[in-house]
Amino acid sequence: MGHVVAETTAPYRPDDVARTSGVLMGADLVAQIDARLALLGRPLADDDIEPFTRVLYDTNRALPAADVSRALRRAQEIGWRVGAAFAAYDVLLTPTLAWPTPRLGVLDTADPESVYRHASVYSAFTSVHNVTGMPAMSVPFGHDSAGLPLGVQFAAPLGGEGTLLAPAAQLERAAPWGSPPGL
């Protein structure tokens, strides 16, 4: 489609991003639930949130402030490293998922243990942009042999949201989004 595509190595370690993201998301989850409960004027009831969310809430309620501070600092460092990649590239292109689409139930929030074991593996390409705040978008791009959707992710530097729309529109024109063949 007229673009120059070059391979590069991710300037971050997915396990580092997962740890950092886990602390920041856990702290925010507790703050959001506590704010809602304060607004409602009542304690958390057993059926207020999904089982996995409850595990995260209970696990992160006692998170030390120093851990949150370290995670904020680490997210900034990761952002600097990823941001530096945009000196050489306009857009980063990755798969949306790091592994094929999971079987139904693998990421079932009613099974917290399964989500813990698998979620960060699947989100290895997307979570770095959640943690750094850099814009990224997942764009449908075909189907696998089982008819499940596949996606690609476009990412841009901070403030680069507009840069993401042009290649997504080009991709949609070249490979229209829709149902898998035969459906």
Protein backbone atom coordinates (compact mmCIF):
# COMPACT_ATOMS: atom_id res chain seq x y z
CA MET A 1 0.00 0.00 0.00
CA GLY A 2 3.02 2.26 -0.43
CA HIS A 3 4.41 2.07 3.10
CA VAL A 4 7.95 1.12 4.02
CA VAL A 5 7.82 -1.66 6.60
CA ALA A 6 10.87 -2.56 8.67
CA GLU A 7 11.28 -5.09 11.45
CA THR A 8 12.43 -3.93 14.88
CA THR A 9 12.76 -5.37 18.36
CA ALA A 10 10.38 -4.25 21.08
CA PRO A 11 12.20 -1.82 23.39
CA TYR A 12 10.58 -3.34 26.50
CA ARG A 13 10.19 -6.68 28.25
CA PRO A 14 6.58 -7.92 28.33
CA ASP A 15 7.02 -9.36 31.86
CA ASP A 16 8.24 -5.95 33.10
CA VAL A 17 5.24 -4.24 31.51
CA ALA A 18 2.88 -6.86 32.98
CA ARG A 19 4.23 -6.33 36.52
CA THR A 20 4.08 -2.55 36.18
CA SER A 21 0.63 -2.62 34.66
CA GLY A 22 -0.63 -5.02 37.33
CA VAL A 23 0.35 -2.68 40.16
CA LEU A 24 -1.07 0.43 38.49
CA MET A 25 -4.29 -1.23 37.39
CA GLY A 26 -4.71 -2.86 40.79
CA ALA A 27 -4.30 0.42 42.65
CA ASP A 28 -6.73 2.16 40.29
CA LEU A 29 -9.27 -0.66 40.60
CA VAL A 30 -9.29 -0.31 44.40
CA ALA A 31 -9.63 3.48 44.16
CA GLN A 32 -12.52 3.22 41.68
CA ILE A 33 -14.45 0.60 43.67
CA ASP A 34 -13.88 2.44 46.95
CA ALA A 35 -15.09 5.71 45.39
CA ARG A 36 -18.25 4.00 44.11
CA LEU A 37 -18.92 2.40 47.49
CA ALA A 38 -18.44 5.77 49.22
CA LEU A 39 -20.94 7.30 46.80
CA LEU A 40 -23.41 4.49 47.53
CA GLY A 41 -22.73 4.74 51.27
CA ARG A 42 -22.34 1.03 51.78
CA PRO A 43 -19.74 -1.74 51.92
CA LEU A 44 -18.93 -4.08 49.06
CA ALA A 45 -21.47 -6.89 48.69
CA ASP A 46 -20.46 -10.35 47.47
CA ASP A 47 -22.34 -10.02 44.18
CA ASP A 48 -21.28 -6.44 43.34
CA ILE A 49 -18.33 -7.43 41.15
CA GLU A 50 -17.13 -10.45 39.17
CA PRO A 51 -15.04 -13.09 40.97
CA PHE A 52 -11.81 -12.10 39.21
CA THR A 53 -12.38 -8.43 39.99
CA ARG A 54 -12.96 -9.39 43.64
CA VAL A 55 -9.64 -11.26 43.74
CA LEU A 56 -7.88 -8.21 42.30
CA TYR A 57 -9.64 -5.88 44.74
CA ASP A 58 -8.80 -8.00 47.77
CA THR A 59 -5.20 -8.55 46.61
CA ASN A 60 -4.52 -4.87 45.92
CA ARG A 61 -6.27 -3.26 48.92
CA ALA A 62 -3.07 -3.44 50.97
CA LEU A 63 -0.73 -2.44 48.14
CA PRO A 64 2.06 -0.29 49.63
CA ALA A 65 2.26 3.28 48.34
CA ALA A 66 5.97 2.71 47.63
CA ASP A 67 5.04 -0.08 45.18
CA VAL A 68 2.67 2.27 43.37
CA SER A 69 5.34 4.97 43.26
CA ARG A 70 7.89 2.53 41.83
CA ALA A 71 5.38 1.34 39.23
CA LEU A 72 4.61 4.91 38.17
CA ARG A 73 8.32 5.60 37.76
CA ARG A 74 8.81 2.36 35.82
CA ALA A 75 5.86 3.15 33.52
CA GLN A 76 7.53 6.46 32.72
CA GLU A 77 10.84 4.73 31.96
CA ILE A 78 9.09 2.21 29.70
CA GLY A 79 7.34 5.09 27.96
CA TRP A 80 10.64 6.84 27.29
CA ARG A 81 12.07 3.67 25.72
CA VAL A 82 9.01 3.00 23.57
CA GLY A 83 8.74 6.69 22.67
CA ALA A 84 12.33 6.67 21.45
CA ALA A 85 11.35 4.06 18.82
CA PHE A 86 9.22 6.70 17.12
CA ALA A 87 12.36 8.63 16.19
CA ALA A 88 12.86 5.94 13.52
CA TYR A 89 9.26 4.81 12.89
CA ASP A 90 6.00 6.69 12.35
CA VAL A 91 3.82 3.78 13.48
CA LEU A 92 4.53 0.50 15.23
CA LEU A 93 2.62 -2.48 13.84
CA THR A 94 2.13 -5.62 15.93
CA PRO A 95 -0.39 -8.43 16.23
CA THR A 96 -3.20 -7.52 18.62
CA LEU A 97 -2.83 -10.80 20.52
CA ALA A 98 0.49 -12.45 21.21
CA TRP A 99 -1.10 -15.91 20.84
CA PRO A 100 -4.00 -17.24 18.75
CA THR A 101 -7.50 -16.39 20.00
CA PRO A 102 -8.02 -18.32 23.26
CA ARG A 103 -10.58 -21.08 23.59
CA LEU A 104 -13.85 -20.02 25.18
CA GLY A 105 -13.42 -20.07 28.96
CA VAL A 106 -9.65 -19.55 29.09
CA LEU A 107 -10.15 -15.90 30.09
CA ASP A 108 -13.38 -16.47 32.03
CA THR A 109 -13.51 -13.97 34.89
CA ALA A 110 -15.40 -16.54 36.96
CA ASP A 111 -12.15 -18.55 36.98
CA PRO A 112 -9.61 -16.08 38.45
CA GLU A 113 -6.76 -18.60 38.40
CA SER A 114 -7.08 -19.11 34.64
CA VAL A 115 -7.18 -15.37 33.99
CA TYR A 116 -4.06 -14.88 36.13
CA ARG A 117 -2.22 -17.59 34.18
CA HIS A 118 -3.19 -16.40 30.71
CA ALA A 119 -4.21 -12.73 30.44
CA SER A 120 -0.76 -11.14 30.36
CA VAL A 121 0.43 -13.67 27.77
CA TYR A 122 -2.30 -12.61 25.36
CA SER A 123 -1.88 -8.87 26.03
CA ALA A 124 1.90 -8.69 25.60
CA PHE A 125 1.60 -6.29 22.65
CA THR A 126 -1.29 -4.16 23.88
CA SER A 127 -0.56 -3.60 27.56
CA VAL A 128 2.56 -1.50 26.92
CA HIS A 129 0.39 1.19 25.37
CA ASN A 130 -2.10 1.02 28.25
CA VAL A 131 0.74 1.54 30.73
CA THR A 132 2.45 4.35 28.80
CA GLY A 133 -0.67 6.16 27.58
CA MET A 134 0.52 6.05 23.99
CA PRO A 135 -2.31 5.78 21.46
CA ALA A 136 -2.88 2.41 19.85
CA MET A 137 -5.74 0.74 18.06
CA SER A 138 -6.61 -2.81 17.18
CA VAL A 139 -7.82 -3.22 13.61
CA PRO A 140 -9.55 -6.36 12.28
CA PHE A 141 -7.42 -8.18 9.71
CA GLY A 142 -8.90 -11.45 8.57
CA HIS A 143 -9.69 -14.71 10.29
CA ASP A 144 -7.76 -17.76 11.35
CA SER A 145 -8.42 -21.27 10.01
CA ALA A 146 -11.18 -21.74 12.61
CA GLY A 147 -12.93 -18.56 11.48
CA LEU A 148 -11.95 -16.58 14.58
CA PRO A 149 -11.04 -12.93 14.04
CA LEU A 150 -7.44 -11.77 13.83
CA GLY A 151 -6.26 -8.24 14.45
CA VAL A 152 -3.28 -6.00 14.00
CA GLN A 153 -2.37 -3.16 16.30
CA PHE A 154 -1.15 0.24 15.16
CA ALA A 155 0.60 2.37 17.79
CA ALA A 156 1.84 5.95 17.62
CA PRO A 157 3.78 8.28 19.90
CA LEU A 158 2.03 10.43 22.50
CA GLY A 159 -0.33 12.81 20.73
CA GLY A 160 -0.27 10.75 17.55
CA GLU A 161 -3.89 9.59 17.47
CA GLY A 162 -4.44 11.13 14.04
CA THR A 163 -1.51 9.18 12.65
CA LEU A 164 -3.31 5.90 13.43
CA LEU A 165 -6.43 6.56 11.40
CA ALA A 166 -4.88 6.75 7.91
CA PRO A 167 -3.27 3.27 7.85
CA ALA A 168 -6.38 1.74 9.45
CA ALA A 169 -8.56 3.25 6.72
CA GLN A 170 -6.13 2.03 4.04
CA LEU A 171 -6.15 -1.46 5.51
CA GLU A 172 -9.94 -1.53 5.64
CA ARG A 173 -10.14 -0.57 1.96
CA ALA A 174 -7.53 -3.18 0.97
CA ALA A 175 -8.96 -5.97 3.16
CA PRO A 176 -12.58 -5.11 4.06
CA TRP A 177 -13.72 -6.11 7.51
CA GLY A 178 -16.49 -8.61 7.76
CA SER A 179 -17.49 -12.12 8.52
CA PRO A 180 -15.18 -15.05 7.84
CA PRO A 181 -15.66 -16.83 4.52
CA GLY A 182 -18.58 -19.24 4.62
CA LEU A 183 -20.56 -17.48 7.36
